[in-house]
C-alpha atoms as a PDB file:
ATOM      1  CA  MET A   1      -3.206  -6.622 -23.533  1.00  0.00           C
ATOM      2  CA  LYS A   2      -5.426  -4.260 -21.983  1.00  0.00           C
ATOM      3  CA  LYS A   3      -6.522  -6.850 -19.786  1.00  0.00           C
ATOM      4  CA  PHE A   4      -3.107  -8.444 -18.935  1.00  0.00           C
ATOM      5  CA  ALA A   5      -1.585  -5.189 -17.823  1.00  0.00           C
ATOM      6  CA  CYS A   6      -3.935  -4.554 -15.568  1.00  0.00           C
ATOM      7  CA  ALA A   7      -3.817  -8.391 -14.474  1.00  0.00           C
ATOM      8  CA  LEU A   8       0.072  -7.126 -13.424  1.00  0.00           C
ATOM      9  CA  ILE A   9      -0.997  -4.205 -11.947  1.00  0.00           C
ATOM     10  CA  ALA A  10      -3.478  -5.271  -9.891  1.00  0.00           C
ATOM     11  CA  ALA A  11      -1.182  -8.012  -8.634  1.00  0.00           C
ATOM     12  CA  LEU A  12       1.086  -5.839  -6.582  1.00  0.00           C
ATOM     13  CA  ALA A  13      -1.850  -4.720  -4.080  1.00  0.00           C
ATOM     14  CA  LEU A  14      -2.271  -7.867  -3.097  1.00  0.00           C
ATOM     15  CA  PHE A  15      -0.514  -9.203   0.475  1.00  0.00           C
ATOM     16  CA  GLU A  16       0.165  -5.705   2.243  1.00  0.00           C
ATOM     17  CA  ALA A  17      -1.506  -4.655   5.997  1.00  0.00           C
ATOM     18  CA  TYR A  18      -2.169  -1.268   5.323  1.00  0.00           C
ATOM     19  CA  PRO A  19      -0.521   0.679   4.423  1.00  0.00           C
ATOM     20  CA  LYS A  20      -0.118  -1.147   0.982  1.00  0.00           C
ATOM     21  CA  VAL A  21       3.551  -0.301   0.669  1.00  0.00           C
ATOM     22  CA  SER A  22       4.061  -2.427  -2.521  1.00  0.00           C
ATOM     23  CA  PHE A  23       0.893  -0.685  -4.271  1.00  0.00           C
ATOM     24  CA  PHE A  24       2.519   2.895  -3.329  1.00  0.00           C
ATOM     25  CA  ALA A  25       5.806   1.859  -4.302  1.00  0.00           C
ATOM     26  CA  ASP A  26       4.446   1.048  -8.347  1.00  0.00           C
ATOM     27  CA  PRO A  27       5.067   3.698 -10.743  1.00  0.00           C
ATOM     28  CA  ALA A  28       2.037   5.679 -12.522  1.00  0.00           C
ATOM     29  CA  GLN A  29       0.352   3.530 -15.230  1.00  0.00           C
ATOM     30  CA  TYR A  30      -3.224   5.173 -16.523  1.00  0.00           C
ATOM     31  CA  GLY A  31      -3.695   8.479 -17.773  1.00  0.00           C
ATOM     32  CA  ILE A  32      -0.246   9.713 -17.859  1.00  0.00           C
ATOM     33  CA  THR A  33       1.910  11.166 -20.666  1.00  0.00           C
ATOM     34  CA  PRO A  34       4.685   9.954 -22.363  1.00  0.00           C
ATOM     35  CA  ILE A  35       8.035  12.534 -22.254  1.00  0.00           C
ATOM     36  CA  ASP A  36      10.050  12.583 -25.214  1.00  0.00           C
ATOM     37  CA  SER A  37      12.801  14.455 -24.145  1.00  0.00           C
ATOM     38  CA  ASP A  38      15.988  13.320 -23.411  1.00  0.00           C
ATOM     39  CA  ASP A  39      16.331  16.048 -20.129  1.00  0.00           C
ATOM     40  CA  PRO A  40      16.147  14.241 -17.208  1.00  0.00           C
ATOM     41  CA  PHE A  41      14.484  17.132 -15.519  1.00  0.00           C
ATOM     42  CA  TYR A  42      12.344  18.141 -18.087  1.00  0.00           C
ATOM     43  CA  VAL A  43       9.314  18.471 -15.785  1.00  0.00           C
ATOM     44  CA  ASN A  44       6.130  17.120 -17.510  1.00  0.00           C
ATOM     45  CA  PRO A  45       3.171  19.772 -17.846  1.00  0.00           C
ATOM     46  CA  VAL A  46      -0.217  18.054 -18.666  1.00  0.00           C
ATOM     47  CA  ALA A  47      -1.582  18.036 -15.268  1.00  0.00           C
ATOM     48  CA  ILE A  48      -1.797  21.842 -15.884  1.00  0.00           C
ATOM     49  CA  THR A  49      -2.032  21.772 -19.353  1.00  0.00           C
ATOM     50  CA  GLY A  50      -4.617  19.549 -19.425  1.00  0.00           C
ATOM     51  CA  LEU A  51      -6.915  21.454 -17.240  1.00  0.00           C
ATOM     52  CA  SER A  52      -7.598  23.200 -20.500  1.00  0.00           C
ATOM     53  CA  GLU A  53      -7.167  21.160 -23.003  1.00  0.00           C
ATOM     54  CA  LYS A  54      -9.028  18.024 -22.139  1.00  0.00           C
ATOM     55  CA  PRO A  55     -12.295  17.182 -22.451  1.00  0.00           C
ATOM     56  CA  LEU A  56     -13.973  17.920 -18.572  1.00  0.00           C
ATOM     57  CA  THR A  57     -15.348  14.248 -18.783  1.00  0.00           C
ATOM     58  CA  GLN A  58     -11.543  13.118 -18.808  1.00  0.00           C
ATOM     59  CA  LEU A  59     -10.223  14.866 -16.612  1.00  0.00           C
ATOM     60  CA  LEU A  60     -12.486  13.656 -13.925  1.00  0.00           C
ATOM     61  CA  GLY A  61     -12.138  10.148 -14.804  1.00  0.00           C
ATOM     62  CA  ILE A  62     -15.299   9.222 -16.702  1.00  0.00           C
ATOM     63  CA  ASP A  63     -15.259   7.284 -20.054  1.00  0.00           C
ATOM     64  CA  VAL A  64     -11.594   6.437 -19.952  1.00  0.00           C
ATOM     65  CA  GLU A  65      -9.486   3.182 -19.445  1.00  0.00           C
ATOM     66  CA  HIS A  66      -9.879   1.871 -15.683  1.00  0.00           C
ATOM     67  CA  CYS A  67      -9.084  -1.484 -14.088  1.00  0.00           C
ATOM     68  CA  THR A  68     -10.857  -3.017 -11.823  1.00  0.00           C
ATOM     69  CA  SER A  69     -10.278  -5.854  -9.028  1.00  0.00           C
ATOM     70  CA  LEU A  70     -11.368  -8.263  -6.071  1.00  0.00           C
ATOM     71  CA  ASN A  71      -9.101  -9.850  -4.604  1.00  0.00           C
ATOM     72  CA  VAL A  72      -9.242 -12.227  -1.333  1.00  0.00           C
ATOM     73  CA  GLU A  73      -5.811 -12.928   0.704  1.00  0.00           C
ATOM     74  CA  TYR A  74      -5.094 -15.408   3.715  1.00  0.00           C
ATOM     75  CA  ALA A  75      -1.847 -14.343   6.051  1.00  0.00           C
ATOM     76  CA  SER A  76      -0.766 -15.815   8.988  1.00  0.00           C
ATOM     77  CA  ASN A  77       0.058 -12.262   9.990  1.00  0.00           C
ATOM     78  CA  MET A  78      -1.239  -8.976   8.946  1.00  0.00           C
ATOM     79  CA  VAL A  79       2.204  -6.832   9.360  1.00  0.00           C
ATOM     80  CA  SER A  80       1.849  -2.914   9.377  1.00  0.00           C
ATOM     81  CA  ASP A  81       4.697  -0.345   9.850  1.00  0.00           C
ATOM     82  CA  GLY A  82       6.714  -3.716  10.769  1.00  0.00           C
ATOM     83  CA  MET A  83       4.165  -4.378  13.506  1.00  0.00           C
ATOM     84  CA  ARG A  84       1.374  -7.286  13.595  1.00  0.00           C
ATOM     85  CA  THR A  85      -2.168  -5.874  13.431  1.00  0.00           C
ATOM     86  CA  SER A  86      -3.761  -9.549  13.637  1.00  0.00           C
ATOM     87  CA  ASN A  87      -2.950 -13.575  12.824  1.00  0.00           C
ATOM     88  CA  ASN A  88      -4.895 -15.769  10.743  1.00  0.00           C
ATOM     89  CA  THR A  89      -6.179 -13.339   8.936  1.00  0.00           C
ATOM     90  CA  PHE A  90      -8.488 -12.692   5.260  1.00  0.00           C
ATOM     91  CA  ALA A  91      -8.819  -9.519   3.512  1.00  0.00           C
ATOM     92  CA  LEU A  92     -11.223  -8.946   0.738  1.00  0.00           C
ATOM     93  CA  SER A  93      -9.735  -6.123  -1.181  1.00  0.00           C
ATOM     94  CA  LEU A  94     -11.509  -4.082  -4.400  1.00  0.00           C
ATOM     95  CA  LEU A  95      -9.683  -1.923  -6.501  1.00  0.00           C
ATOM     96  CA  ASP A  96      -9.831   0.494  -8.821  1.00  0.00           C
ATOM     97  CA  ARG A  97      -7.405   2.513 -11.258  1.00  0.00           C
ATOM     98  CA  GLY A  98      -7.706   4.663 -14.406  1.00  0.00           C
ATOM     99  CA  GLU A  99      -6.881   7.925 -15.594  1.00  0.00           C
ATOM    100  CA  LEU A 100      -7.727  11.065 -13.059  1.00  0.00           C
ATOM    101  CA  PHE A 101      -6.635  15.046 -13.858  1.00  0.00           C
ATOM    102  CA  GLY A 102      -3.412  13.480 -16.102  1.00  0.00           C
ATOM    103  CA  GLY A 103      -2.367  10.735 -14.162  1.00  0.00           C
ATOM    104  CA  ASP A 104      -3.219   7.967 -12.050  1.00  0.00           C
ATOM    105  CA  GLY A 105      -6.281   8.198  -9.707  1.00  0.00           C
ATOM    106  CA  TYR A 106      -6.865   4.891  -7.477  1.00  0.00           C
ATOM    107  CA  THR A 107      -9.702   3.994  -4.555  1.00  0.00           C
ATOM    108  CA  GLU A 108      -9.814   0.713  -2.954  1.00  0.00           C
ATOM    109  CA  LEU A 109     -11.951  -0.702  -0.446  1.00  0.00           C
ATOM    110  CA  ASP A 110     -10.347  -3.178   2.030  1.00  0.00           C
ATOM    111  CA  ALA A 111     -11.513  -5.431   4.900  1.00  0.00           C
ATOM    112  CA  TYR A 112      -9.732  -7.465   7.167  1.00  0.00           C
ATOM    113  CA  LEU A 113     -11.180 -10.028   8.939  1.00  0.00           C
ATOM    114  CA  PRO A 114      -8.896 -11.907  11.682  1.00  0.00           C
ATOM    115  CA  THR A 115     -10.542 -15.337  13.027  1.00  0.00           C
ATOM    116  CA  ASP A 116      -9.045 -14.387  16.459  1.00  0.00           C
ATOM    117  CA  SER A 117     -11.649 -12.250  18.092  1.00  0.00           C
ATOM    118  CA  GLN A 118      -9.093 -10.741  20.497  1.00  0.00           C
ATOM    119  CA  PHE A 119      -7.877  -8.753  17.294  1.00  0.00           C
ATOM    120  CA  ALA A 120      -9.994  -5.814  15.782  1.00  0.00           C
ATOM    121  CA  ARG A 121     -11.872  -6.321  12.088  1.00  0.00           C
ATOM    122  CA  MET A 122     -10.714  -3.345  10.061  1.00  0.00           C
ATOM    123  CA  TYR A 123     -12.578  -1.506   7.164  1.00  0.00           C
ATOM    124  CA  ARG A 124     -10.262   0.327   5.061  1.00  0.00           C
ATOM    125  CA  PHE A 125     -10.952   3.307   2.157  1.00  0.00           C
ATOM    126  CA  LEU A 126      -8.013   4.449   0.291  1.00  0.00           C
ATOM    127  CA  GLY A 127      -7.633   6.912  -2.262  1.00  0.00           C
ATOM    128  CA  GLY A 128      -4.928   8.811  -3.881  1.00  0.00           C
ATOM    129  CA  TRP A 129      -3.348   9.889  -7.540  1.00  0.00           C
ATOM    130  CA  LYS A 130      -0.223   9.038  -8.983  1.00  0.00           C
ATOM    131  CA  TYR A 131       1.982  11.369 -11.748  1.00  0.00           C
ATOM    132  CA  ASN A 132       4.874  10.787 -14.294  1.00  0.00           C
ATOM    133  CA  LEU A 133       6.935  14.314 -12.952  1.00  0.00           C
ATOM    134  CA  THR A 134       9.489  13.690 -14.947  1.00  0.00           C
ATOM    135  CA  LYS A 135      10.433  10.988 -17.250  1.00  0.00           C
ATOM    136  CA  ASP A 136      11.882   8.886 -14.301  1.00  0.00           C
ATOM    137  CA  LEU A 137      10.451  10.075 -11.307  1.00  0.00           C
ATOM    138  CA  HIS A 138       6.626   9.756 -10.054  1.00  0.00           C
ATOM    139  CA  VAL A 139       4.993  11.576  -7.316  1.00  0.00           C
ATOM    140  CA  ASP A 140       2.066   9.838  -5.549  1.00  0.00           C
ATOM    141  CA  LEU A 141      -0.348  11.878  -3.492  1.00  0.00           C
ATOM    142  CA  GLY A 142      -3.216  10.298  -1.586  1.00  0.00           C
ATOM    143  CA  GLY A 143      -4.608   9.809   2.432  1.00  0.00           C
ATOM    144  CA  THR A 144      -6.630   6.992   4.225  1.00  0.00           C
ATOM    145  CA  LEU A 145      -9.771   6.019   5.997  1.00  0.00           C
ATOM    146  CA  VAL A 146      -9.952   3.353   8.972  1.00  0.00           C
ATOM    147  CA  TYR A 147     -12.757   1.932  11.152  1.00  0.00           C
ATOM    148  CA  ALA A 148     -11.971  -0.756  13.353  1.00  0.00           C
ATOM    149  CA  SER A 149     -14.410  -2.800  15.300  1.00  0.00           C
ATOM    150  CA  LYS A 150     -12.047  -2.373  18.600  1.00  0.00           C
ATOM    151  CA  ARG A 151      -9.883   0.457  19.271  1.00  0.00           C
ATOM    152  CA  ILE A 152      -6.543   0.829  17.873  1.00  0.00           C
ATOM    153  CA  SER A 153      -2.919   1.943  18.492  1.00  0.00           C
ATOM    154  CA  GLY A 154      -0.325   3.444  16.207  1.00  0.00           C
ATOM    155  CA  ALA A 155       0.312   1.080  13.415  1.00  0.00           C
ATOM    156  CA  GLY A 156      -3.551  -0.681  14.209  1.00  0.00           C
ATOM    157  CA  ILE A 157      -2.510  -2.703  17.394  1.00  0.00           C
ATOM    158  CA  THR A 158      -6.008  -3.847  19.432  1.00  0.00           C
ATOM    159  CA  GLY A 159      -6.411  -2.988  22.963  1.00  0.00           C
ATOM    160  CA  ALA A 160      -6.315   0.870  23.123  1.00  0.00           C
ATOM    161  CA  GLY A 161      -6.767   3.961  20.976  1.00  0.00           C
ATOM    162  CA  THR A 162      -9.007   5.027  18.356  1.00  0.00           C
ATOM    163  CA  HIS A 163     -12.322   2.974  16.668  1.00  0.00           C
ATOM    164  CA  PHE A 164     -11.772   5.921  13.468  1.00  0.00           C
ATOM    165  CA  THR A 165      -8.237   7.079  12.131  1.00  0.00           C
ATOM    166  CA  GLY A 166      -6.854   8.412   9.123  1.00  0.00           C
ATOM    167  CA  ASP A 167      -3.722   9.868   7.663  1.00  0.00           C
ATOM    168  CA  ILE A 168      -2.321  11.676   4.603  1.00  0.00           C
ATOM    169  CA  TYR A 169       0.740  10.331   2.634  1.00  0.00           C
ATOM    170  CA  ALA A 170       3.484  11.769  -0.590  1.00  0.00           C
ATOM    171  CA  GLY A 171       5.866   9.930  -2.046  1.00  0.00           C
ATOM    172  CA  LEU A 172       8.316   9.805  -5.033  1.00  0.00           C
ATOM    173  CA  ILE A 173       9.233   6.474  -7.062  1.00  0.00           C
ATOM    174  CA  PHE A 174      11.942   6.550  -9.256  1.00  0.00           C
ATOM    175  CA  GLU A 175      11.022   4.048 -12.359  1.00  0.00           C
ATOM    176  CA  SER A 176      13.949   1.686 -12.999  1.00  0.00           C
ATOM    177  CA  LEU A 177      14.958  -1.881 -12.534  1.00  0.00           C
ATOM    178  CA  LEU A 178      15.007  -1.879  -8.494  1.00  0.00           C
ATOM    179  CA  ASN A 179      11.854   1.415  -8.480  1.00  0.00           C
ATOM    180  CA  PRO A 180      13.354   2.528  -5.287  1.00  0.00           C
ATOM    181  CA  PHE A 181      10.402   4.920  -3.290  1.00  0.00           C
ATOM    182  CA  ALA A 182      10.148   7.200  -0.762  1.00  0.00           C
ATOM    183  CA  TYR A 183       6.931   8.451   1.218  1.00  0.00           C
ATOM    184  CA  TYR A 184       6.642  10.710   4.415  1.00  0.00           C
ATOM    185  CA  CYS A 185       2.816   9.449   6.187  1.00  0.00           C
ATOM    186  CA  TYR A 186       1.249  11.813   8.901  1.00  0.00           C
ATOM    187  CA  ASN A 187      -1.727  10.408  11.019  1.00  0.00           C
ATOM    188  CA  PHE A 188      -3.881  12.909  12.743  1.00  0.00           C
ATOM    189  CA  ASP A 189      -5.057  11.032  15.127  1.00  0.00           C
ATOM    190  CA  TYR A 190      -1.573   9.614  16.659  1.00  0.00           C
ATOM    191  CA  ASP A 191       0.192  12.996  15.755  1.00  0.00           C
ATOM    192  CA  SER A 192       2.836  10.542  14.283  1.00  0.00           C
ATOM    193  CA  ASN A 193       5.201  10.782  11.815  1.00  0.00           C
ATOM    194  CA  LYS A 194       6.506   8.309   9.267  1.00  0.00           C
ATOM    195  CA  ILE A 195       8.946   8.078   6.528  1.00  0.00           C
ATOM    196  CA  THR A 196       9.528   4.906   4.563  1.00  0.00           C
ATOM    197  CA  ILE A 197      12.473   3.983   1.864  1.00  0.00           C
ATOM    198  CA  GLY A 198      12.711   1.146  -0.091  1.00  0.00           C
ATOM    199  CA  VAL A 199      12.971  -0.715  -3.542  1.00  0.00           C
ATOM    200  CA  ASN A 200      10.402  -2.848  -5.329  1.00  0.00           C
ATOM    201  CA  PRO A 201      11.670  -4.919  -8.188  1.00  0.00           C
ATOM    202  CA  LYS A 202       9.713  -7.331 -10.150  1.00  0.00           C
ATOM    203  CA  PHE A 203      10.794 -10.172 -12.407  1.00  0.00           C
ATOM    204  CA  ASN A 204       9.633 -11.861 -15.296  1.00  0.00           C
ATOM    205  CA  LEU A 205      10.380 -15.781 -14.623  1.00  0.00           C
ATOM    206  CA  SER A 206       8.189 -17.279 -17.871  1.00  0.00           C
ATOM    207  CA  ASN A 207      11.651 -17.667 -20.075  1.00  0.00           C
ATOM    208  CA  ILE A 208      13.222 -19.528 -17.044  1.00  0.00           C
ATOM    209  CA  THR A 209      10.344 -21.266 -16.089  1.00  0.00           C
ATOM    210  CA  ASN A 210       8.506 -21.638 -19.290  1.00  0.00           C
ATOM    211  CA  ILE A 211       5.545 -20.698 -17.278  1.00  0.00           C
ATOM    212  CA  GLU A 212       3.836 -17.999 -19.032  1.00  0.00           C
ATOM    213  CA  ASN A 213       2.772 -14.918 -16.986  1.00  0.00           C
ATOM    214  CA  LEU A 214       4.889 -16.117 -13.915  1.00  0.00           C
ATOM    215  CA  SER A 215       6.593 -12.966 -12.091  1.00  0.00           C
ATOM    216  CA  LEU A 216       8.387 -12.634  -8.423  1.00  0.00           C
ATOM    217  CA  GLU A 217       7.862  -9.449  -7.079  1.00  0.00           C
ATOM    218  CA  ILE A 218      10.457  -8.369  -4.123  1.00  0.00           C
ATOM    219  CA  GLU A 219      10.236  -5.435  -1.721  1.00  0.00           C
ATOM    220  CA  ALA A 220      12.416  -4.442   0.899  1.00  0.00           C
ATOM    221  CA  TYR A 221      11.897  -1.219   2.892  1.00  0.00           C
ATOM    222  CA  CYS A 222      12.871   0.160   6.189  1.00  0.00           C
ATOM    223  CA  GLY A 223      11.222   3.271   8.510  1.00  0.00           C
ATOM    224  CA  TYR A 224      10.749   5.445  11.098  1.00  0.00           C
ATOM    225  CA  VAL A 225       8.181   6.215  13.071  1.00  0.00           C
ATOM    226  CA  LYS A 226       7.028   9.030  15.513  1.00  0.00           C
ATOM    227  CA  ALA A 227       3.861   9.128  17.268  1.00  0.00           C
ATOM    228  CA  ASN A 228       3.392  11.333  19.636  1.00  0.00           C
ATOM    229  CA  ARG A 229       0.073   9.995  20.981  1.00  0.00           C
ATOM    230  CA  TRP A 230       0.462   6.621  20.267  1.00  0.00           C
ATOM    231  CA  THR A 231      -3.077   5.772  21.806  1.00  0.00           C
ATOM    232  CA  ALA A 232      -4.688   8.717  20.161  1.00  0.00           C
ATOM    233  CA  ASP A 233      -7.160  10.391  23.183  1.00  0.00           C
ATOM    234  CA  ASP A 234      -7.047   7.298  24.996  1.00  0.00           C
ATOM    235  CA  ARG A 235      -4.992   8.091  28.098  1.00  0.00           C
ATOM    236  CA  ILE A 236      -3.227   5.240  29.986  1.00  0.00           C
ATOM    237  CA  ASP A 237      -3.096   5.646  33.761  1.00  0.00           C
ATOM    238  CA  GLY A 238      -3.916   9.521  32.949  1.00  0.00           C
ATOM    239  CA  ALA A 239      -0.847  10.273  30.125  1.00  0.00           C
ATOM    240  CA  LEU A 240      -0.791   9.896  26.462  1.00  0.00           C
ATOM    241  CA  PRO A 241       1.606   7.399  25.944  1.00  0.00           C
ATOM    242  CA  HIS A 242       4.379   8.131  22.674  1.00  0.00           C
ATOM    243  CA  ASN A 243       6.111   5.975  20.877  1.00  0.00           C
ATOM    244  CA  ASN A 244       9.117   6.133  18.515  1.00  0.00           C
ATOM    245  CA  TYR A 245      10.987   2.995  16.569  1.00  0.00           C
ATOM    246  CA  PHE A 246      12.339   1.635  13.113  1.00  0.00           C
ATOM    247  CA  TYR A 247      11.064  -1.200  11.302  1.00  0.00           C
ATOM    248  CA  VAL A 248      12.550  -3.200   8.482  1.00  0.00           C
ATOM    249  CA  GLN A 249      10.149  -5.192   6.291  1.00  0.00           C
ATOM    250  CA  THR A 250      11.046  -7.758   3.457  1.00  0.00           C
ATOM    251  CA  GLU A 251       8.449  -9.982   0.997  1.00  0.00           C
ATOM    252  CA  ALA A 252       8.845 -12.234  -1.684  1.00  0.00           C
ATOM    253  CA  GLN A 253       5.674 -13.031  -4.395  1.00  0.00           C
ATOM    254  CA  LEU A 254       5.307 -15.443  -7.147  1.00  0.00           C
ATOM    255  CA  VAL A 255       2.634 -14.180  -8.786  1.00  0.00           C
ATOM    256  CA  TYR A 256       0.926 -15.972 -11.963  1.00  0.00           C
ATOM    257  CA  VAL A 257      -2.122 -14.650 -14.121  1.00  0.00           C
ATOM    258  CA  LEU A 258      -4.190 -16.702 -15.851  1.00  0.00           C
ATOM    259  CA  ALA A 259      -6.004 -15.935 -18.873  1.00  0.00           C
ATOM    260  CA  SER A 260      -5.782 -11.974 -18.208  1.00  0.00           C
ATOM    261  CA  ARG A 261      -8.499 -12.232 -15.579  1.00  0.00           C
ATOM    262  CA  TRP A 262      -7.378 -14.704 -12.910  1.00  0.00           C
ATOM    263  CA  ARG A 263      -4.197 -14.158 -10.648  1.00  0.00           C
ATOM    264  CA  PHE A 264      -2.692 -16.183  -8.020  1.00  0.00           C
ATOM    265  CA  THR A 265      -0.105 -15.200  -5.330  1.00  0.00           C
ATOM    266  CA  ILE A 266       1.548 -16.572  -3.166  1.00  0.00           C
ATOM    267  CA  GLY A 267       4.969 -15.526  -0.869  1.00  0.00           C
ATOM    268  CA  GLY A 268       6.100 -14.835   2.660  1.00  0.00           C
ATOM    269  CA  GLY A 269       7.758 -11.992   4.538  1.00  0.00           C
ATOM    270  CA  TYR A 270       9.960 -10.915   7.804  1.00  0.00           C
ATOM    271  CA  ALA A 271      10.082  -7.903   9.779  1.00  0.00           C
ATOM    272  CA  HIS A 272      11.590  -6.576  13.159  1.00  0.00           C
ATOM    273  CA  ASN A 273      10.382  -3.586  14.879  1.00  0.00           C
ATOM    274  CA  ASP A 274      12.438  -2.470  17.724  1.00  0.00           C
ATOM    275  CA  GLY A 275       8.983  -0.377  19.054  1.00  0.00           C
ATOM    276  CA  ALA A 276       7.519  -3.109  21.404  1.00  0.00           C
ATOM    277  CA  ARG A 277       7.953  -0.700  23.786  1.00  0.00           C
ATOM    278  CA  ASP A 278       6.097  -1.447  27.072  1.00  0.00           C
ATOM    279  CA  ILE A 279       3.082   0.513  28.064  1.00  0.00           C
ATOM    280  CA  LYS A 280       1.349  -0.625  31.190  1.00  0.00           C
ATOM    281  CA  ASN A 281      -2.188  -2.482  30.216  1.00  0.00           C
ATOM    282  CA  LEU A 282      -1.483  -2.158  26.093  1.00  0.00           C
ATOM    283  CA  SER A 283      -0.579  -5.163  24.530  1.00  0.00           C
ATOM    284  CA  ASN A 284       2.188  -4.641  22.048  1.00  0.00           C
ATOM    285  CA  SER A 285       4.033  -6.262  18.828  1.00  0.00           C
ATOM    286  CA  PRO A 286       6.574  -9.392  18.820  1.00  0.00           C
ATOM    287  CA  ASN A 287       9.837  -7.621  17.242  1.00  0.00           C
ATOM    288  CA  ASN A 288      10.598 -10.230  14.772  1.00  0.00           C
ATOM    289  CA  LEU A 289       7.445 -11.650  12.780  1.00  0.00           C
ATOM    290  CA  LEU A 290       7.433 -14.184   9.874  1.00  0.00           C
ATOM    291  CA  TRP A 291       4.375 -14.877   7.457  1.00  0.00           C
ATOM    292  CA  ILE A 292       3.217 -16.437   4.658  1.00  0.00           C
ATOM    293  CA  ASN A 293       0.411 -15.897   2.484  1.00  0.00           C
ATOM    294  CA  THR A 294      -1.789 -16.914  -0.558  1.00  0.00           C
ATOM    295  CA  SER A 295      -4.508 -14.934  -2.394  1.00  0.00           C
ATOM    296  CA  ILE A 296      -6.482 -14.870  -5.524  1.00  0.00           C
ATOM    297  CA  GLY A 297      -7.991 -12.021  -7.737  1.00  0.00           C
ATOM    298  CA  PHE A 298     -10.282 -11.602 -10.456  1.00  0.00           C
ATOM    299  CA  ILE A 299     -10.190  -8.551 -13.178  1.00  0.00           C
ATOM    300  CA  PHE A 300     -13.315  -7.233 -14.336  1.00  0.00           C
END
């Protein structure tokens, strides 16, 4: 049962280009303390009281339950913040989740490897912490660091900008049928503020299809990005261009878990942005994007 639960959790992280919204929107799973109170506003005190009540090794995530997975993915378009960062891309992801400071600590290492050399290869480290603040409300705090083989701007578009970038984020997830979520993200290099709001429902298809461990995961979200330095400190015609835009993005994935260790996924998505702003000598993303993707993962 432990491995099966791990497989379902790790399957959530397969298909998003960075940042992985569906993974962000997944409620905390490890290290959380169930809340017995019927008061929906009762605040879980374990993150504070646990500092004195729990062994130090447990607080630091040593010798506690973990889930580690390795995923290999192909996507016809990699999309971030409603914009295309590359096409015909393979991605490798190593993910670990486990108890940390009375909540769910997670780390992830990703490599995005487009087959077309015009796009940058990107390598990302992500780390964060989730906590069930109340019975149904979860908080998610974290950040990312990215290295790109070519200069990237804004959402990760090759052409100008910086090789290194990073951001911090904070989000709220309401655990329910639709799993609605809201996130705020700030990128230091682009002086960029981003707000994302969406839903992330998951449906068990075993009873309908008679195929055990088959599920459908759907997510739909919209966002607003305001970047005061779209190309970081890289000037275009002597100026630092800005960009601000709205976007919507929807995805659907079929997930099949085999023998509690292997998982297979196939799906696709659509995104629209109104931010394909013409900046001289700088490429940008199409306004409308469609893609298909598939992946295979292994649970350690």
